[in-house]
């Protein structure tokens, strides 16, 4: 298969394909094909070409039904300059460290951490302090998540195409808990969210019908989420920035919900600390950050941005290891129950 030219722009068909899979990551190729106006074979071939180039992927992670049952935190890490790279190499191997960003700010690294509970978070953060080269950490715990990257769209499909794909997306009920038998399904899907029931069965040691029923239940109940992601090199939004903001307690929910409606916003959470909101945004270029803040102030003048930072490189995003162009180069699945003891 030909290597994808990272300097070339994606075709409109490729953009539509990615948008379709953002809406319904496991949509049948026949449905995707009808939505974008190509054959099922062509749709599958184009997707595989993007996957082989590390330019697009579908992975799995703990879903919205588990948000109240586990702990999400944002951790700043300060490093000895000469040892930053070795710290990064160690952090990306940690299954409870979902994302690792190298920052142009007072913090050297910015981590998103997912653990089973507060005790596990405390254990993890204490462990970070023992890494060679780590000078200090600061932790903010998410108290509510208003939006995350699975809702971000390329907006390439027309209305009819979106409706066709949306019709096969499962309705999320947000109920139930992950059982021990579900863990292997989640960890396997993190490598490829489009694995067939037969492939899941082989990987998890159950029958294909059992694998299919388990997968359907996990997705339907919101215990597992799937996300179609794209490399920055082809996204059209190559700059990542994070903003920390303060607003009165009575306006936190309103501000969080308003932020998630802005097209640049990938993730938005209420957090503990002097800043009670954190948002990660994708931008067309660095000057766009100032334009974004102007629009944010116009929409919600009560909100004060008290800190902001540009990401120099995202090394790991939601369990996926990324190269300098943002292409996926490997996977360390998010595992809430992992223990380093």
Protein backbone atom coordinates (compact mmCIF):
# COMPACT_ATOMS: atom_id res chain seq x y z
CA UNK A 1 0.00 0.00 0.00
CA UNK A 2 1.32 3.44 -0.90
CA UNK A 3 2.48 5.63 1.93
CA UNK A 4 0.29 8.66 2.54
CA UNK A 5 1.98 11.92 1.60
CA UNK A 6 1.89 13.92 4.84
CA UNK A 7 2.51 17.16 2.93
CA UNK A 8 -0.60 16.70 0.82
CA UNK A 9 -4.05 17.82 1.85
CA UNK A 10 -6.75 15.26 2.43
CA UNK A 11 -9.29 14.90 -0.32
CA UNK A 12 -12.89 15.87 0.37
CA UNK A 13 -13.80 12.18 0.36
CA UNK A 14 -11.23 11.44 3.06
CA UNK A 15 -12.52 14.31 5.20
CA UNK A 16 -16.07 13.05 4.79
CA UNK A 17 -14.94 9.53 5.69
CA UNK A 18 -13.32 10.77 8.88
CA UNK A 19 -16.37 12.85 9.78
CA UNK A 20 -18.61 9.80 9.29
CA UNK A 21 -16.46 7.70 11.62
CA UNK A 22 -16.35 10.50 14.19
CA UNK A 23 -20.14 10.24 14.35
CA UNK A 24 -20.30 6.42 14.41
CA UNK A 25 -16.85 4.80 14.74
CA UNK A 26 -18.19 1.29 14.03
CA UNK A 27 -20.61 2.23 11.25
CA UNK A 28 -20.82 -0.50 8.56
CA UNK A 29 -18.81 0.33 5.45
CA UNK A 30 -22.00 0.16 3.39
CA UNK A 31 -23.55 2.97 5.44
CA UNK A 32 -20.35 5.03 5.35
CA UNK A 33 -20.11 4.50 1.60
CA UNK A 34 -23.66 5.72 1.02
CA UNK A 35 -23.02 8.77 3.19
CA UNK A 36 -19.90 9.85 1.28
CA UNK A 37 -20.85 8.65 -2.21
CA UNK A 38 -18.30 5.90 -2.86
CA UNK A 39 -18.34 2.09 -2.80
CA UNK A 40 -17.92 0.19 0.46
CA UNK A 41 -14.66 -1.25 -0.84
CA UNK A 42 -13.32 2.23 -1.59
CA UNK A 43 -14.35 3.55 1.83
CA UNK A 44 -12.64 0.65 3.62
CA UNK A 45 -9.50 0.98 1.47
CA UNK A 46 -9.21 4.73 2.09
CA UNK A 47 -9.63 4.19 5.82
CA UNK A 48 -6.96 1.50 5.93
CA UNK A 49 -4.57 3.79 4.08
CA UNK A 50 -5.02 6.46 6.74
CA UNK A 51 -4.62 3.92 9.54
CA UNK A 52 -1.46 2.43 8.01
CA UNK A 53 0.04 5.92 7.82
CA UNK A 54 -0.78 6.62 11.48
CA UNK A 55 -2.94 9.52 10.32
CA UNK A 56 -6.28 8.32 11.72
CA UNK A 57 -7.39 5.68 14.19
CA UNK A 58 -10.26 4.51 16.38
CA UNK A 59 -9.53 3.60 19.96
CA UNK A 60 -11.52 2.82 23.09
CA UNK A 61 -11.45 4.28 26.59
CA UNK A 62 -13.64 4.32 29.74
CA UNK A 63 -17.04 5.75 28.79
CA UNK A 64 -19.37 8.39 30.28
CA UNK A 65 -21.17 5.88 32.52
CA UNK A 66 -17.93 5.56 34.48
CA UNK A 67 -17.24 9.28 34.96
CA UNK A 68 -18.79 9.36 38.44
CA UNK A 69 -17.16 6.06 39.37
CA UNK A 70 -13.53 6.92 38.59
CA UNK A 71 -11.21 9.89 38.94
CA UNK A 72 -9.95 12.21 36.23
CA UNK A 73 -7.18 14.64 37.08
CA UNK A 74 -4.87 17.11 35.35
CA UNK A 75 -1.28 17.10 36.56
CA UNK A 76 1.45 19.66 35.92
CA UNK A 77 4.95 18.19 36.02
CA UNK A 78 8.15 20.21 36.43
CA UNK A 79 11.32 18.50 35.19
CA UNK A 80 15.05 18.93 35.32
CA UNK A 81 15.77 20.27 31.80
CA UNK A 82 18.37 17.63 31.03
CA UNK A 83 16.04 14.80 32.09
CA UNK A 84 12.73 15.85 30.53
CA UNK A 85 12.96 13.35 27.69
CA UNK A 86 13.60 10.45 30.04
CA UNK A 87 10.64 11.53 32.21
CA UNK A 88 8.42 11.63 29.12
CA UNK A 89 9.60 8.16 28.06
CA UNK A 90 8.63 6.79 31.46
CA UNK A 91 5.27 8.57 31.66
CA UNK A 92 3.97 7.40 28.29
CA UNK A 93 4.32 3.79 29.48
CA UNK A 94 1.99 4.40 32.46
CA UNK A 95 -1.51 2.96 31.68
CA UNK A 96 -3.23 5.46 34.01
CA UNK A 97 -1.58 8.44 32.31
CA UNK A 98 -3.98 8.97 29.41
CA UNK A 99 -2.24 11.95 27.78
CA UNK A 100 1.18 13.62 27.94
CA UNK A 101 1.87 17.07 26.47
CA UNK A 102 5.13 19.02 26.39
CA UNK A 103 4.21 22.62 27.11
CA UNK A 104 5.53 26.11 26.38
CA UNK A 105 4.67 27.48 29.82
CA UNK A 106 5.71 27.48 33.48
CA UNK A 107 4.90 23.75 33.55
CA UNK A 108 7.11 21.41 31.54
CA UNK A 109 4.54 18.65 31.07
CA UNK A 110 0.75 18.52 31.28
CA UNK A 111 -0.83 15.14 32.02
CA UNK A 112 -4.38 13.86 31.90
CA UNK A 113 -4.70 11.02 34.39
CA UNK A 114 -7.49 8.42 34.78
CA UNK A 115 -7.57 6.25 37.91
CA UNK A 116 -10.12 4.02 39.61
CA UNK A 117 -10.45 6.29 42.67
CA UNK A 118 -8.84 9.07 44.71
CA UNK A 119 -6.58 6.62 46.53
CA UNK A 120 -5.20 5.33 43.23
CA UNK A 121 -4.64 8.91 42.06
CA UNK A 122 -2.71 9.71 45.25
CA UNK A 123 -0.57 6.62 44.76
CA UNK A 124 0.15 7.56 41.15
CA UNK A 125 1.04 11.19 41.89
CA UNK A 126 3.33 10.14 44.74
CA UNK A 127 4.99 7.75 42.34
CA UNK A 128 5.56 10.54 39.82
CA UNK A 129 7.48 12.45 42.47
CA UNK A 130 9.93 9.57 42.69
CA UNK A 131 10.75 9.61 38.96
CA UNK A 132 14.34 10.68 38.29
CA UNK A 133 14.23 14.18 36.85
CA UNK A 134 10.82 15.22 38.30
CA UNK A 135 11.17 18.37 40.43
CA UNK A 136 7.52 18.74 41.39
CA UNK A 137 3.87 18.18 40.49
CA UNK A 138 0.56 20.05 40.87
CA UNK A 139 -2.75 18.21 40.61
CA UNK A 140 -6.24 19.44 39.77
CA UNK A 141 -9.10 16.96 40.05
CA UNK A 142 -11.95 17.16 37.55
CA UNK A 143 -15.30 17.55 39.31
CA UNK A 144 -17.37 17.48 36.13
CA UNK A 145 -16.65 16.91 32.45
CA UNK A 146 -18.70 18.99 30.02
CA UNK A 147 -17.18 17.78 26.79
CA UNK A 148 -14.33 15.61 25.49
CA UNK A 149 -12.68 14.89 22.16
CA UNK A 150 -15.23 12.36 20.86
CA UNK A 151 -17.70 15.20 20.21
CA UNK A 152 -15.25 17.20 18.04
CA UNK A 153 -16.11 17.08 14.33
CA UNK A 154 -14.41 17.92 11.03
CA UNK A 155 -17.78 19.08 9.61
CA UNK A 156 -17.19 17.70 6.11
CA UNK A 157 -20.40 15.68 5.63
CA UNK A 158 -23.62 17.21 4.38
CA UNK A 159 -26.79 16.92 6.46
CA UNK A 160 -28.03 13.81 4.66
CA UNK A 161 -24.70 12.02 5.16
CA UNK A 162 -24.65 12.90 8.84
CA UNK A 163 -28.18 11.59 9.29
CA UNK A 164 -27.37 8.31 7.55
CA UNK A 165 -24.43 7.64 9.84
CA UNK A 166 -26.12 8.93 12.98
CA UNK A 167 -28.91 6.40 12.43
CA UNK A 168 -26.49 3.51 13.12
CA UNK A 169 -24.78 5.11 16.12
CA UNK A 170 -25.84 3.40 19.38
CA UNK A 171 -27.95 5.31 21.88
CA UNK A 172 -25.98 5.79 25.07
CA UNK A 173 -27.83 5.05 28.32
CA UNK A 174 -25.00 5.74 30.79
CA UNK A 175 -25.67 2.90 33.20
CA UNK A 176 -23.92 -0.06 34.79
CA UNK A 177 -20.36 -0.78 35.80
CA UNK A 178 -17.45 -2.48 34.11
CA UNK A 179 -17.04 -6.04 35.32
CA UNK A 180 -13.70 -7.87 35.49
CA UNK A 181 -14.61 -9.74 32.30
CA UNK A 182 -15.07 -6.44 30.45
CA UNK A 183 -11.55 -5.17 31.09
CA UNK A 184 -9.94 -7.29 28.37
CA UNK A 185 -12.52 -6.07 25.83
CA UNK A 186 -11.76 -2.44 26.62
CA UNK A 187 -8.00 -2.94 26.49
CA UNK A 188 -8.24 -4.83 23.19
CA UNK A 189 -10.48 -2.23 21.53
CA UNK A 190 -7.98 0.48 22.46
CA UNK A 191 -5.76 -0.91 19.70
CA UNK A 192 -8.52 -0.88 17.07
CA UNK A 193 -12.06 0.20 17.83
CA UNK A 194 -13.31 -1.49 14.65
CA UNK A 195 -12.19 -4.99 15.59
CA UNK A 196 -14.84 -7.51 14.56
CA UNK A 197 -16.58 -9.75 17.09
CA UNK A 198 -14.51 -12.66 15.78
CA UNK A 199 -11.25 -10.74 16.34
CA UNK A 200 -12.36 -9.69 19.82
CA UNK A 201 -13.29 -13.28 20.60
CA UNK A 202 -9.81 -14.52 19.72
CA UNK A 203 -8.12 -11.74 21.70
CA UNK A 204 -10.29 -12.13 24.82
CA UNK A 205 -10.77 -15.89 24.84
CA UNK A 206 -14.55 -16.07 24.47
CA UNK A 207 -16.92 -17.11 21.70
CA UNK A 208 -17.78 -14.68 18.91
CA UNK A 209 -21.47 -14.37 20.03
CA UNK A 210 -20.32 -13.63 23.59
CA UNK A 211 -17.82 -11.04 22.35
CA UNK A 212 -20.54 -9.39 20.23
CA UNK A 213 -23.07 -9.26 23.10
CA UNK A 214 -20.45 -7.90 25.49
CA UNK A 215 -19.34 -5.21 23.03
CA UNK A 216 -22.92 -4.14 22.28
CA UNK A 217 -23.68 -3.86 26.00
CA UNK A 218 -20.54 -1.87 26.80
CA UNK A 219 -21.18 0.63 24.01
CA UNK A 220 -24.93 0.91 24.60
CA UNK A 221 -24.49 1.47 28.35
CA UNK A 222 -21.75 4.06 27.87
CA UNK A 223 -19.24 1.98 29.78
CA UNK A 224 -16.85 2.11 26.83
CA UNK A 225 -16.47 5.01 24.41
CA UNK A 226 -14.98 4.87 20.93
CA UNK A 227 -13.30 7.80 19.21
CA UNK A 228 -12.09 8.42 15.69
CA UNK A 229 -9.04 10.64 15.98
CA UNK A 230 -6.80 12.31 13.42
CA UNK A 231 -3.17 13.41 13.36
CA UNK A 232 -2.49 17.13 13.63
CA UNK A 233 -0.61 17.02 10.34
CA UNK A 234 -3.90 16.47 8.47
CA UNK A 235 -6.49 17.90 10.87
CA UNK A 236 -6.32 21.51 9.67
CA UNK A 237 -6.08 22.47 13.38
CA UNK A 238 -2.34 22.02 14.09
CA UNK A 239 -2.04 24.12 17.27
CA UNK A 240 -3.17 22.87 20.68
CA UNK A 241 -3.65 25.26 23.59
CA UNK A 242 -4.95 24.83 27.12
CA UNK A 243 -6.71 27.57 29.07
CA UNK A 244 -7.34 27.73 32.81
CA UNK A 245 -10.22 30.03 33.76
CA UNK A 246 -12.07 31.29 36.80
CA UNK A 247 -15.78 31.99 37.09
CA UNK A 248 -18.15 32.20 40.06
CA UNK A 249 -19.42 28.85 41.34
CA UNK A 250 -22.96 29.63 40.21
CA UNK A 251 -21.78 30.08 36.60
CA UNK A 252 -19.45 27.09 36.29
CA UNK A 253 -22.04 24.83 34.63
CA UNK A 254 -23.19 27.56 32.26
CA UNK A 255 -19.62 28.42 31.31
CA UNK A 256 -18.65 24.78 30.79
CA UNK A 257 -21.65 24.10 28.58
CA UNK A 258 -21.05 27.30 26.59
CA UNK A 259 -17.40 26.42 26.03
CA UNK A 260 -18.27 23.01 24.60
CA UNK A 261 -20.38 24.73 21.94
CA UNK A 262 -17.36 26.56 20.55
CA UNK A 263 -15.90 24.60 17.60
CA UNK A 264 -12.28 24.90 18.76
CA UNK A 265 -12.92 23.28 22.15
CA UNK A 266 -11.87 19.64 22.41
CA UNK A 267 -12.11 19.09 26.16
CA UNK A 268 -13.68 21.11 28.97
CA UNK A 269 -13.86 20.20 32.66
CA UNK A 270 -14.64 21.84 35.98
CA UNK A 271 -11.65 21.37 38.28
CA UNK A 272 -10.40 22.02 41.77
CA UNK A 273 -7.97 24.87 42.40
CA UNK A 274 -7.71 28.61 41.80
CA UNK A 275 -8.89 28.03 38.22
CA UNK A 276 -12.18 26.13 38.31
CA UNK A 277 -12.40 25.43 34.57
CA UNK A 278 -9.86 23.95 32.16
CA UNK A 279 -10.33 23.73 28.38
CA UNK A 280 -8.16 22.31 25.63
CA UNK A 281 -8.64 23.88 22.20
CA UNK A 282 -7.44 23.14 18.68
CA UNK A 283 -6.52 26.20 16.62
CA UNK A 284 -5.58 27.02 13.02
CA UNK A 285 -2.48 28.93 14.16
CA UNK A 286 -0.97 30.52 17.26
CA UNK A 287 -2.51 34.03 16.75
CA UNK A 288 -5.93 32.35 16.76
CA UNK A 289 -5.58 31.86 20.51
CA UNK A 290 -6.00 35.59 21.09
CA UNK A 291 -9.01 35.68 18.74
CA UNK A 292 -10.53 32.76 20.62
CA UNK A 293 -10.12 34.52 23.96
CA UNK A 294 -11.75 37.67 22.57
CA UNK A 295 -14.81 35.68 21.47
CA UNK A 296 -14.86 33.86 24.79
CA UNK A 297 -14.85 37.14 26.70
CA UNK A 298 -17.64 38.51 24.52
CA UNK A 299 -19.80 35.45 25.18
CA UNK A 300 -19.12 35.24 28.91
CA UNK A 301 -17.56 38.43 30.31
CA UNK A 302 -17.78 37.04 33.85
CA UNK A 303 -15.15 34.42 32.99
CA UNK A 304 -11.51 35.32 33.53
CA UNK A 305 -8.72 33.37 31.81
CA UNK A 306 -5.97 33.24 34.41
CA UNK A 307 -3.46 31.11 32.52
CA UNK A 308 -2.92 29.73 29.05
CA UNK A 309 -0.29 27.55 27.39
CA UNK A 310 0.60 26.29 23.92
CA UNK A 311 1.44 22.61 23.51
CA UNK A 312 4.83 22.10 21.88
CA UNK A 313 4.18 18.40 21.29
CA UNK A 314 1.52 15.89 22.26
CA UNK A 315 3.44 12.70 22.98
CA UNK A 316 0.45 10.63 24.09
CA UNK A 317 -3.24 11.26 23.54
CA UNK A 318 -5.91 9.07 25.15
CA UNK A 319 -3.56 6.11 25.32
CA UNK A 320 -2.13 6.54 21.80
CA UNK A 321 1.57 7.27 21.37
CA UNK A 322 2.20 10.01 18.80
CA UNK A 323 5.25 11.08 16.81
CA UNK A 324 6.26 14.70 16.26
CA UNK A 325 3.68 15.11 13.47
CA UNK A 326 0.93 13.73 15.68
CA UNK A 327 0.74 10.39 13.85
CA UNK A 328 -0.07 7.33 15.95
CA UNK A 329 3.01 5.16 16.49
CA UNK A 330 1.77 2.84 19.23
CA UNK A 331 -0.79 2.24 21.98
CA UNK A 332 -0.67 1.99 25.77
CA UNK A 333 -4.36 1.41 26.62
CA UNK A 334 -5.87 3.37 29.50
CA UNK A 335 -6.26 0.91 32.37
CA UNK A 336 -8.02 2.30 35.44
CA UNK A 337 -7.23 -0.82 37.44
CA UNK A 338 -3.54 -1.06 36.65
CA UNK A 339 -1.27 -1.40 39.65
CA UNK A 340 2.47 -0.81 39.61
CA UNK A 341 2.87 -2.60 42.96
